[in-house]
């Protein structure tokens, strides 16, 4: 069976009788088995996916199928799916099965999507390399000696390696966009509050957003269109009506674009990525778009601000995992206090424990104002400056990552180097604005390079349309 790059391609073959949903599921199951060394999936729903495929085939034949009939997806192991294991790639949730389904997942199921499995990720979505999973690292198919990015590494690799048509991940500070860039796929972080967080295991509650990883702009637009919108189970979700993104992908408009000078002139940026981004800029100018350099003076403050705030929020959110109510409980406990201590010590991995302790420190009475309060003030400055730039420009463009995928284990001894991999993605997260990473080429080692595009809050329709312009007219020119 051929490799499909979009739902439209799948539906064309389904309509002609060339393929069925059952055929598609079997094809992806074979790929998952033959490429299991990539470690992209923690659990494959083999029998369930086949049964659902048969049900969707019957709906297609009857003319009652939903908009996602024929799409086979995987979901990151931080999304609740009733009756299925939910572990956040952590031992602390051993044996736990979800009692309900996340709103975003349910909306996809209602449109006849087929979920083929649960995907590996950094533990509790904390990491930028997918090396922090309790179940081993995910490998990048482009070079299995390199990381796929994180935390949605399994989700990105599954799309990259043709183990499903699309994946649903989560993005806190770049956890969809960075692995998308490392794996050569499309990854979207929507506007904060655009998609309900009900059923998403919380890491940083004021940052977390559910987003798709796909091989086509059309599929990303359709998935967001279906997942987005008000939800009675999430009081923080926006009440704004959802635009039909998938119907507004074509535009002849000439845009005003600002490229962030501080990123392209940054010493941490790989030279081949710089050259690639400037070639995209040249292509945009040749197409008649206005592209100008802009300054963003807070780049050096982005990463520390992000990590102070997210570790503080994770310290609070992860307090619920204590060995009492569900999940792992230490067999070595002798009393209540030792049960708490030993269960959390044995159940959480090193990176998660580190972030919990950092968060607890910055929230402590003696340091709250010096760190947490100050970080909130800096976040406001970053948000206001980003919004100010977006008043003058339709989009801001910058690299998604400072390097291409780095070797496994190369940042083990340097947490700072690992955290700096987020330097270009956390701006959009701190500002709460939408951002997408699209593949724009490869370096001399054949590793994918991603371009990041940022726009105004709730302007995803324009973001998709412009991304399609870049994808079709600039990259393919």
Protein backbone atom coordinates (compact mmCIF):
# COMPACT_ATOMS: atom_id res chain seq x y z
CA UNK A 1 0.00 0.00 0.00
CA UNK A 2 1.21 3.49 -0.79
CA UNK A 3 2.10 6.13 1.77
CA UNK A 4 -0.69 8.65 2.27
CA UNK A 5 0.10 12.27 3.09
CA UNK A 6 -3.42 13.61 3.67
CA UNK A 7 -6.94 12.54 4.44
CA UNK A 8 -7.97 13.81 1.02
CA UNK A 9 -5.70 11.23 -0.62
CA UNK A 10 -7.15 8.51 1.59
CA UNK A 11 -10.74 9.46 0.83
CA UNK A 12 -10.08 9.51 -2.92
CA UNK A 13 -8.91 5.88 -2.77
CA UNK A 14 -11.75 4.88 -0.45
CA UNK A 15 -14.27 6.41 -2.84
CA UNK A 16 -12.87 4.44 -5.79
CA UNK A 17 -12.78 1.22 -3.77
CA UNK A 18 -9.00 0.98 -3.94
CA UNK A 19 -8.71 0.80 -0.16
CA UNK A 20 -10.87 0.35 2.95
CA UNK A 21 -10.43 1.55 6.51
CA UNK A 22 -9.71 -2.04 7.48
CA UNK A 23 -6.89 -2.11 4.89
CA UNK A 24 -5.49 1.13 6.27
CA UNK A 25 -5.47 -0.12 9.85
CA UNK A 26 -3.73 -3.34 8.83
CA UNK A 27 -1.17 -1.34 6.86
CA UNK A 28 -0.33 0.88 9.84
CA UNK A 29 -0.26 -2.11 12.19
CA UNK A 30 2.30 -3.79 9.93
CA UNK A 31 4.40 -0.61 9.88
CA UNK A 32 4.23 -0.29 13.67
CA UNK A 33 5.44 -3.88 14.06
CA UNK A 34 8.22 -3.56 11.48
CA UNK A 35 9.45 -0.29 13.03
CA UNK A 36 8.88 -1.08 16.69
CA UNK A 37 12.54 -0.30 17.41
CA UNK A 38 11.59 3.39 17.08
CA UNK A 39 9.59 2.95 20.31
CA UNK A 40 6.91 5.41 19.18
CA UNK A 41 3.98 3.53 20.73
CA UNK A 42 3.51 2.43 24.31
CA UNK A 43 0.36 0.48 23.46
CA UNK A 44 -1.27 -0.50 20.17
CA UNK A 45 -5.04 -0.98 20.07
CA UNK A 46 -4.87 -3.77 17.50
CA UNK A 47 -8.24 -5.51 17.81
CA UNK A 48 -10.12 -2.37 18.75
CA UNK A 49 -8.76 -0.43 15.75
CA UNK A 50 -9.74 -3.23 13.37
CA UNK A 51 -13.25 -3.43 14.81
CA UNK A 52 -13.70 0.33 14.59
CA UNK A 53 -12.38 0.33 11.01
CA UNK A 54 -15.07 -2.14 10.03
CA UNK A 55 -17.70 0.05 11.67
CA UNK A 56 -16.46 3.12 9.80
CA UNK A 57 -16.40 1.18 6.52
CA UNK A 58 -20.09 0.38 7.03
CA UNK A 59 -20.84 4.05 7.70
CA UNK A 60 -18.99 5.07 4.54
CA UNK A 61 -21.00 2.55 2.52
CA UNK A 62 -24.22 3.89 4.05
CA UNK A 63 -23.26 7.51 3.45
CA UNK A 64 -23.38 8.38 7.17
CA UNK A 65 -19.65 8.64 7.95
CA UNK A 66 -18.14 11.62 9.75
CA UNK A 67 -15.59 14.07 8.40
CA UNK A 68 -12.62 12.06 9.68
CA UNK A 69 -13.65 8.68 8.30
CA UNK A 70 -10.50 7.09 6.90
CA UNK A 71 -8.10 8.94 9.21
CA UNK A 72 -6.02 6.70 11.48
CA UNK A 73 -4.37 8.56 14.35
CA UNK A 74 -2.35 7.99 17.50
CA UNK A 75 -2.71 9.95 20.73
CA UNK A 76 0.03 11.13 23.06
CA UNK A 77 0.09 9.37 26.42
CA UNK A 78 -1.20 12.43 28.27
CA UNK A 79 -4.71 12.33 26.78
CA UNK A 80 -7.54 10.51 28.49
CA UNK A 81 -9.34 7.77 26.53
CA UNK A 82 -11.98 5.96 28.54
CA UNK A 83 -11.11 2.38 29.43
CA UNK A 84 -7.55 2.73 28.19
CA UNK A 85 -4.29 3.09 30.09
CA UNK A 86 -3.08 6.63 30.77
CA UNK A 87 0.44 6.88 32.17
CA UNK A 88 2.09 10.08 30.93
CA UNK A 89 5.05 7.76 30.23
CA UNK A 90 5.58 7.47 33.99
CA UNK A 91 5.77 4.63 36.51
CA UNK A 92 3.72 6.69 38.97
CA UNK A 93 0.60 5.84 36.95
CA UNK A 94 1.23 2.10 36.58
CA UNK A 95 -2.06 0.26 36.23
CA UNK A 96 -4.22 3.37 35.84
CA UNK A 97 -7.01 3.34 33.26
CA UNK A 98 -8.91 6.48 32.37
CA UNK A 99 -12.52 6.78 33.54
CA UNK A 100 -13.46 9.28 30.82
CA UNK A 101 -12.36 10.57 27.42
CA UNK A 102 -10.75 13.97 26.82
CA UNK A 103 -13.06 16.43 25.08
CA UNK A 104 -10.69 16.88 22.12
CA UNK A 105 -10.39 13.11 21.67
CA UNK A 106 -14.13 12.58 21.94
CA UNK A 107 -14.82 15.19 19.27
CA UNK A 108 -12.49 13.35 16.90
CA UNK A 109 -14.15 10.02 17.68
CA UNK A 110 -17.54 11.59 16.99
CA UNK A 111 -16.30 12.31 13.45
CA UNK A 112 -15.23 8.66 12.97
CA UNK A 113 -11.49 8.93 13.49
CA UNK A 114 -9.75 5.61 14.21
CA UNK A 115 -7.31 5.63 17.15
CA UNK A 116 -4.62 3.02 16.66
CA UNK A 117 -2.57 3.48 19.82
CA UNK A 118 -1.07 5.40 22.71
CA UNK A 119 2.21 7.17 21.95
CA UNK A 120 5.42 7.52 23.94
CA UNK A 121 6.49 10.94 25.27
CA UNK A 122 8.71 12.59 27.82
CA UNK A 123 7.42 11.79 31.31
CA UNK A 124 4.53 14.14 32.13
CA UNK A 125 5.45 16.05 28.95
CA UNK A 126 8.62 17.35 30.60
CA UNK A 127 11.45 17.35 28.11
CA UNK A 128 12.66 18.33 24.67
CA UNK A 129 14.16 15.05 23.49
CA UNK A 130 11.82 12.17 24.46
CA UNK A 131 14.67 10.67 26.49
CA UNK A 132 12.82 11.14 29.79
CA UNK A 133 10.16 8.48 29.26
CA UNK A 134 10.06 5.68 31.82
CA UNK A 135 9.73 3.31 28.84
CA UNK A 136 12.85 4.32 26.97
CA UNK A 137 13.63 6.97 24.37
CA UNK A 138 11.91 7.34 21.02
CA UNK A 139 14.26 7.24 18.02
CA UNK A 140 14.19 9.66 15.09
CA UNK A 141 13.59 7.71 11.85
CA UNK A 142 15.77 10.16 9.89
CA UNK A 143 18.74 9.05 12.04
CA UNK A 144 18.07 6.55 14.82
CA UNK A 145 21.11 7.81 16.71
CA UNK A 146 19.34 11.13 17.23
CA UNK A 147 16.42 12.34 19.30
CA UNK A 148 12.99 13.03 17.79
CA UNK A 149 12.42 16.05 20.00
CA UNK A 150 9.94 16.27 22.83
CA UNK A 151 7.85 15.98 24.61
CA UNK A 152 5.57 14.71 21.81
CA UNK A 153 8.39 12.68 20.27
CA UNK A 154 6.45 9.46 19.82
CA UNK A 155 3.61 11.38 18.16
CA UNK A 156 5.98 13.08 15.71
CA UNK A 157 7.87 9.91 14.83
CA UNK A 158 4.61 8.02 14.28
CA UNK A 159 3.68 10.53 11.57
CA UNK A 160 7.23 10.72 10.21
CA UNK A 161 7.62 6.92 9.97
CA UNK A 162 4.13 6.30 8.51
CA UNK A 163 2.80 4.57 11.62
CA UNK A 164 -0.44 6.60 11.40
CA UNK A 165 -1.72 9.46 9.26
CA UNK A 166 -1.76 12.03 12.08
CA UNK A 167 -1.13 12.34 15.80
CA UNK A 168 -2.57 14.41 18.61
CA UNK A 169 0.04 15.83 20.99
CA UNK A 170 0.29 18.57 23.59
CA UNK A 171 2.41 21.72 23.53
CA UNK A 172 3.46 23.53 26.70
CA UNK A 173 6.63 25.29 25.56
CA UNK A 174 7.18 23.74 22.14
CA UNK A 175 6.32 20.09 22.72
CA UNK A 176 4.46 19.77 19.41
CA UNK A 177 6.48 22.23 17.33
CA UNK A 178 10.01 21.13 18.28
CA UNK A 179 9.51 17.42 17.51
CA UNK A 180 7.65 18.40 14.34
CA UNK A 181 10.75 20.33 13.25
CA UNK A 182 13.13 17.49 14.18
CA UNK A 183 11.01 14.92 12.32
CA UNK A 184 10.04 16.92 9.24
CA UNK A 185 6.28 17.11 9.86
CA UNK A 186 3.76 19.86 10.58
CA UNK A 187 3.02 20.73 14.21
CA UNK A 188 0.56 23.29 15.56
CA UNK A 189 0.20 24.98 18.93
CA UNK A 190 -3.21 26.72 18.88
CA UNK A 191 -4.06 29.92 20.72
CA UNK A 192 -4.19 29.24 24.46
CA UNK A 193 -7.84 28.37 25.32
CA UNK A 194 -8.78 27.49 21.72
CA UNK A 195 -8.96 23.75 22.57
CA UNK A 196 -10.40 22.34 25.78
CA UNK A 197 -7.84 20.93 28.20
CA UNK A 198 -10.39 18.61 29.81
CA UNK A 199 -8.81 15.17 29.83
CA UNK A 200 -5.26 16.43 29.28
CA UNK A 201 -2.87 15.54 32.11
CA UNK A 202 -1.77 18.92 33.42
CA UNK A 203 1.86 20.04 33.35
CA UNK A 204 1.71 23.86 33.15
CA UNK A 205 -1.97 24.78 33.24
CA UNK A 206 -1.53 28.33 31.91
CA UNK A 207 0.52 27.02 28.96
CA UNK A 208 -0.76 23.56 27.96
CA UNK A 209 -2.55 23.21 24.63
CA UNK A 210 -3.55 20.18 22.57
CA UNK A 211 -2.36 20.30 18.97
CA UNK A 212 -2.09 18.10 15.86
CA UNK A 213 0.96 16.68 14.08
CA UNK A 214 0.31 15.95 10.41
CA UNK A 215 1.85 15.71 6.95
CA UNK A 216 -0.51 18.26 5.39
CA UNK A 217 -1.80 21.72 6.28
CA UNK A 218 -5.29 20.56 5.32
CA UNK A 219 -5.30 17.81 7.93
CA UNK A 220 -3.98 20.13 10.66
CA UNK A 221 -6.72 22.65 9.85
CA UNK A 222 -9.47 20.02 9.87
CA UNK A 223 -8.32 18.45 13.13
CA UNK A 224 -8.20 21.82 14.89
CA UNK A 225 -11.59 22.76 13.46
CA UNK A 226 -13.11 19.64 15.02
CA UNK A 227 -11.28 19.76 18.37
CA UNK A 228 -11.67 23.49 19.07
CA UNK A 229 -14.54 25.31 20.71
CA UNK A 230 -16.41 25.83 23.98
CA UNK A 231 -16.63 22.99 26.48
CA UNK A 232 -18.75 22.85 29.63
CA UNK A 233 -16.03 20.78 31.34
CA UNK A 234 -13.30 23.46 30.95
CA UNK A 235 -13.95 26.91 32.39
CA UNK A 236 -10.78 28.31 30.79
CA UNK A 237 -11.66 27.44 27.19
CA UNK A 238 -12.62 30.29 24.88
CA UNK A 239 -16.27 30.85 23.99
CA UNK A 240 -15.39 32.27 20.58
CA UNK A 241 -17.02 30.46 17.66
CA UNK A 242 -14.75 28.16 15.66
CA UNK A 243 -13.86 29.27 12.15
CA UNK A 244 -14.10 26.62 9.37
CA UNK A 245 -10.32 26.55 8.98
CA UNK A 246 -10.32 23.77 6.40
CA UNK A 247 -12.46 25.90 4.05
CA UNK A 248 -10.25 29.01 4.23
CA UNK A 249 -6.89 27.67 3.11
CA UNK A 250 -6.51 29.63 -0.11
CA UNK A 251 -5.42 33.26 -0.24
CA UNK A 252 -3.88 35.66 -2.74
CA UNK A 253 -3.24 38.31 -0.10
CA UNK A 254 0.22 39.85 0.19
CA UNK A 255 1.24 39.81 3.83
CA UNK A 256 3.45 41.89 6.07
CA UNK A 257 5.95 39.61 7.77
CA UNK A 258 8.52 40.33 10.43
CA UNK A 259 11.46 38.01 10.95
CA UNK A 260 12.90 38.18 14.43
CA UNK A 261 16.46 39.44 13.92
CA UNK A 262 17.53 38.29 17.39
CA UNK A 263 16.87 34.65 16.45
CA UNK A 264 18.56 34.58 13.05
CA UNK A 265 21.61 36.43 14.33
CA UNK A 266 21.80 34.38 17.51
CA UNK A 267 25.09 32.55 18.10
CA UNK A 268 23.26 29.36 19.12
CA UNK A 269 21.59 29.05 15.69
CA UNK A 270 23.04 26.45 13.33
CA UNK A 271 24.40 28.00 10.14
CA UNK A 272 22.50 25.69 7.78
CA UNK A 273 19.22 26.54 9.49
CA UNK A 274 20.03 30.25 9.14
CA UNK A 275 20.69 29.83 5.41
CA UNK A 276 17.47 27.88 4.93
CA UNK A 277 15.32 30.46 6.73
CA UNK A 278 16.86 33.30 4.71
CA UNK A 279 16.11 31.39 1.50
CA UNK A 280 12.47 31.22 2.60
CA UNK A 281 12.55 34.96 3.27
CA UNK A 282 13.95 35.57 -0.22
CA UNK A 283 11.16 33.44 -1.66
CA UNK A 284 8.50 35.37 0.22
CA UNK A 285 9.87 38.68 -1.02
CA UNK A 286 9.96 37.35 -4.58
CA UNK A 287 6.26 36.48 -4.21
CA UNK A 288 5.49 40.10 -3.33
CA UNK A 289 5.21 39.84 0.44
CA UNK A 290 6.79 42.48 2.66
CA UNK A 291 9.43 40.93 4.90
CA UNK A 292 11.32 43.09 7.41
CA UNK A 293 13.64 42.48 10.32
CA UNK A 294 12.17 43.21 13.76
CA UNK A 295 13.77 43.31 17.18
CA UNK A 296 12.57 41.32 20.16
CA UNK A 297 14.65 42.47 23.13
CA UNK A 298 13.49 39.83 25.61
CA UNK A 299 14.90 36.71 23.95
CA UNK A 300 17.45 36.10 26.71
CA UNK A 301 14.72 36.19 29.36
CA UNK A 302 12.32 33.79 27.66
CA UNK A 303 13.75 30.46 28.80
CA UNK A 304 14.27 31.33 32.50
CA UNK A 305 10.82 32.94 32.68
CA UNK A 306 9.22 29.88 31.12
CA UNK A 307 10.97 27.39 33.41
CA UNK A 308 10.23 29.34 36.58
CA UNK A 309 6.52 29.47 35.76
CA UNK A 310 6.09 25.95 34.42
CA UNK A 311 8.02 24.27 37.23
CA UNK A 312 5.90 26.20 39.73
CA UNK A 313 2.72 25.00 38.03
CA UNK A 314 4.01 21.44 37.73
CA UNK A 315 4.85 21.39 41.44
CA UNK A 316 1.19 22.11 42.14
CA UNK A 317 -0.29 19.88 39.43
CA UNK A 318 1.79 16.81 40.22
CA UNK A 319 1.00 16.87 43.93
CA UNK A 320 -2.04 14.71 43.17
CA UNK A 321 0.17 11.73 42.29
CA UNK A 322 0.88 10.43 45.76
CA UNK A 323 0.29 6.67 45.83
CA UNK A 324 -2.96 7.05 47.75
CA UNK A 325 -5.76 7.37 45.22
CA UNK A 326 -4.47 5.56 42.10
CA UNK A 327 -1.35 4.50 40.27
CA UNK A 328 1.91 3.29 41.78
CA UNK A 329 2.24 2.70 45.51
CA UNK A 330 5.62 1.74 46.96
CA UNK A 331 5.75 -1.78 48.45
CA UNK A 332 8.47 -0.54 50.81
CA UNK A 333 6.26 1.86 52.78
CA UNK A 334 5.97 1.34 56.53
CA UNK A 335 3.68 4.22 57.45
CA UNK A 336 1.72 7.05 55.81
CA UNK A 337 4.64 9.46 55.48
CA UNK A 338 6.98 6.83 54.03
CA UNK A 339 4.26 5.81 51.57
CA UNK A 340 4.11 9.35 50.22
CA UNK A 341 7.88 9.73 50.07
CA UNK A 342 8.74 6.33 48.64
CA UNK A 343 5.88 6.22 46.13
CA UNK A 344 6.80 9.59 44.65
CA UNK A 345 10.55 8.95 44.83
CA UNK A 346 10.27 5.59 43.10
CA UNK A 347 7.43 6.50 40.75
CA UNK A 348 8.72 9.76 39.27
CA UNK A 349 11.75 9.99 37.00
CA UNK A 350 14.76 12.24 37.52
CA UNK A 351 13.61 15.13 35.30
CA UNK A 352 10.14 15.25 36.83
CA UNK A 353 11.51 15.24 40.38
CA UNK A 354 13.93 18.01 39.45
CA UNK A 355 11.16 20.22 38.09
CA UNK A 356 8.89 19.56 41.06
CA UNK A 357 11.66 20.61 43.44
CA UNK A 358 12.50 23.71 41.39
CA UNK A 359 8.84 24.67 41.33
CA UNK A 360 8.43 24.14 45.05
CA UNK A 361 11.51 26.31 45.62
CA UNK A 362 10.30 29.26 43.53
CA UNK A 363 6.90 29.10 45.24
CA UNK A 364 8.36 29.05 48.76
CA UNK A 365 7.66 32.04 50.98
CA UNK A 366 11.25 33.31 50.96
CA UNK A 367 11.63 33.24 47.17
CA UNK A 368 8.10 33.73 45.81
CA UNK A 369 8.50 37.44 45.00
CA UNK A 370 12.10 37.12 43.86
CA UNK A 371 11.30 34.44 41.28
CA UNK A 372 7.63 33.63 40.64
CA UNK A 373 6.20 37.16 40.89
CA UNK A 374 9.04 38.61 38.84
CA UNK A 375 8.64 35.91 36.18
CA UNK A 376 4.94 36.75 35.88
CA UNK A 377 5.86 40.40 35.28
CA UNK A 378 8.39 39.43 32.61
CA UNK A 379 5.79 37.19 31.00
CA UNK A 380 3.51 40.20 30.68
CA UNK A 381 6.31 42.18 28.98
CA UNK A 382 6.92 39.31 26.54
CA UNK A 383 3.21 39.05 25.78
CA UNK A 384 2.80 42.79 25.25
CA UNK A 385 5.87 43.05 23.01
CA UNK A 386 4.72 40.09 20.90
CA UNK A 387 1.26 41.65 20.52
CA UNK A 388 2.84 45.00 19.65
CA UNK A 389 4.83 43.42 16.82
CA UNK A 390 1.74 41.61 15.57
CA UNK A 391 -0.10 44.92 15.29
CA UNK A 392 2.38 45.94 12.59
CA UNK A 393 2.87 42.55 10.97
CA UNK A 394 0.54 39.71 10.01
CA UNK A 395 3.11 37.11 11.01
CA UNK A 396 6.40 36.70 12.79
CA UNK A 397 8.76 34.05 11.44
CA UNK A 398 11.76 32.46 13.10
CA UNK A 399 13.47 29.07 13.28
CA UNK A 400 11.58 26.44 15.26
CA UNK A 401 14.80 25.13 16.80
CA UNK A 402 18.41 26.36 17.10
CA UNK A 403 19.77 23.05 15.75
CA UNK A 404 18.54 20.02 13.90
CA UNK A 405 17.95 16.81 15.89
CA UNK A 406 20.85 16.27 18.26
CA UNK A 407 22.43 12.89 19.18
CA UNK A 408 20.86 10.77 21.90
CA UNK A 409 22.50 11.45 25.26
CA UNK A 410 24.41 14.49 24.05
CA UNK A 411 22.77 16.86 26.56
CA UNK A 412 22.60 14.48 29.53
CA UNK A 413 25.27 16.36 31.48
CA UNK A 414 24.02 19.84 30.59
CA UNK A 415 20.43 20.64 31.59
CA UNK A 416 20.98 24.22 30.39
CA UNK A 417 21.83 23.04 26.86
CA UNK A 418 18.67 20.93 26.86
CA UNK A 419 16.50 23.80 28.07
CA UNK A 420 18.00 26.17 25.49
CA UNK A 421 16.60 23.91 22.77
CA UNK A 422 13.29 25.64 23.63
CA UNK A 423 14.65 29.14 23.09
CA UNK A 424 12.64 29.84 19.92
CA UNK A 425 9.39 28.07 20.80
CA UNK A 426 8.55 29.41 24.26
CA UNK A 427 7.80 32.98 23.10
CA UNK A 428 4.48 31.90 21.59
CA UNK A 429 3.71 29.85 24.70
CA UNK A 430 4.37 32.73 27.08
CA UNK A 431 2.31 35.09 24.91
CA UNK A 432 -0.53 32.58 24.42
CA UNK A 433 -0.55 33.09 20.65
CA UNK A 434 -0.81 30.40 17.96
CA UNK A 435 2.30 29.06 16.27
CA UNK A 436 3.02 26.40 13.69
CA UNK A 437 6.17 24.60 12.59
CA UNK A 438 6.40 23.52 8.96
CA UNK A 439 9.27 21.61 7.32
CA UNK A 440 11.33 23.77 4.94
CA UNK A 441 14.31 21.62 4.05
CA UNK A 442 17.15 19.44 5.36
CA UNK A 443 20.70 20.02 6.51
CA UNK A 444 23.77 18.37 5.01
CA UNK A 445 23.16 15.29 7.18
CA UNK A 446 19.65 14.87 5.80
CA UNK A 447 18.02 16.06 9.03
CA UNK A 448 14.80 18.11 8.77
CA UNK A 449 14.67 21.87 9.35
CA UNK A 450 11.53 23.61 10.62
CA UNK A 451 10.24 27.15 10.12
CA UNK A 452 8.05 28.60 12.86
CA UNK A 453 5.25 31.04 12.08
CA UNK A 454 3.49 33.05 14.80
CA UNK A 455 0.35 35.14 14.43
CA UNK A 456 -2.32 36.96 16.46
CA UNK A 457 -4.58 35.17 18.95
CA UNK A 458 -7.42 33.20 17.32
CA UNK A 459 -6.09 33.89 13.81
CA UNK A 460 -5.43 30.23 13.03
CA UNK A 461 -7.36 30.50 9.75
CA UNK A 462 -4.87 33.05 8.43
CA UNK A 463 -1.98 31.03 9.90
CA UNK A 464 -3.03 27.94 7.96
CA UNK A 465 -3.56 29.90 4.74
CA UNK A 466 -0.11 31.51 4.95
CA UNK A 467 1.52 28.20 5.87
CA UNK A 468 0.05 26.74 2.70
CA UNK A 469 1.51 29.62 0.69
CA UNK A 470 4.95 28.92 2.15
CA UNK A 471 4.55 25.18 1.63
CA UNK A 472 3.34 25.36 -1.97
CA UNK A 473 4.84 28.49 -3.47
CA UNK A 474 8.05 29.03 -1.55
CA UNK A 475 9.43 25.62 -0.65
CA UNK A 476 8.31 23.89 -3.82
CA UNK A 477 9.38 26.74 -6.11
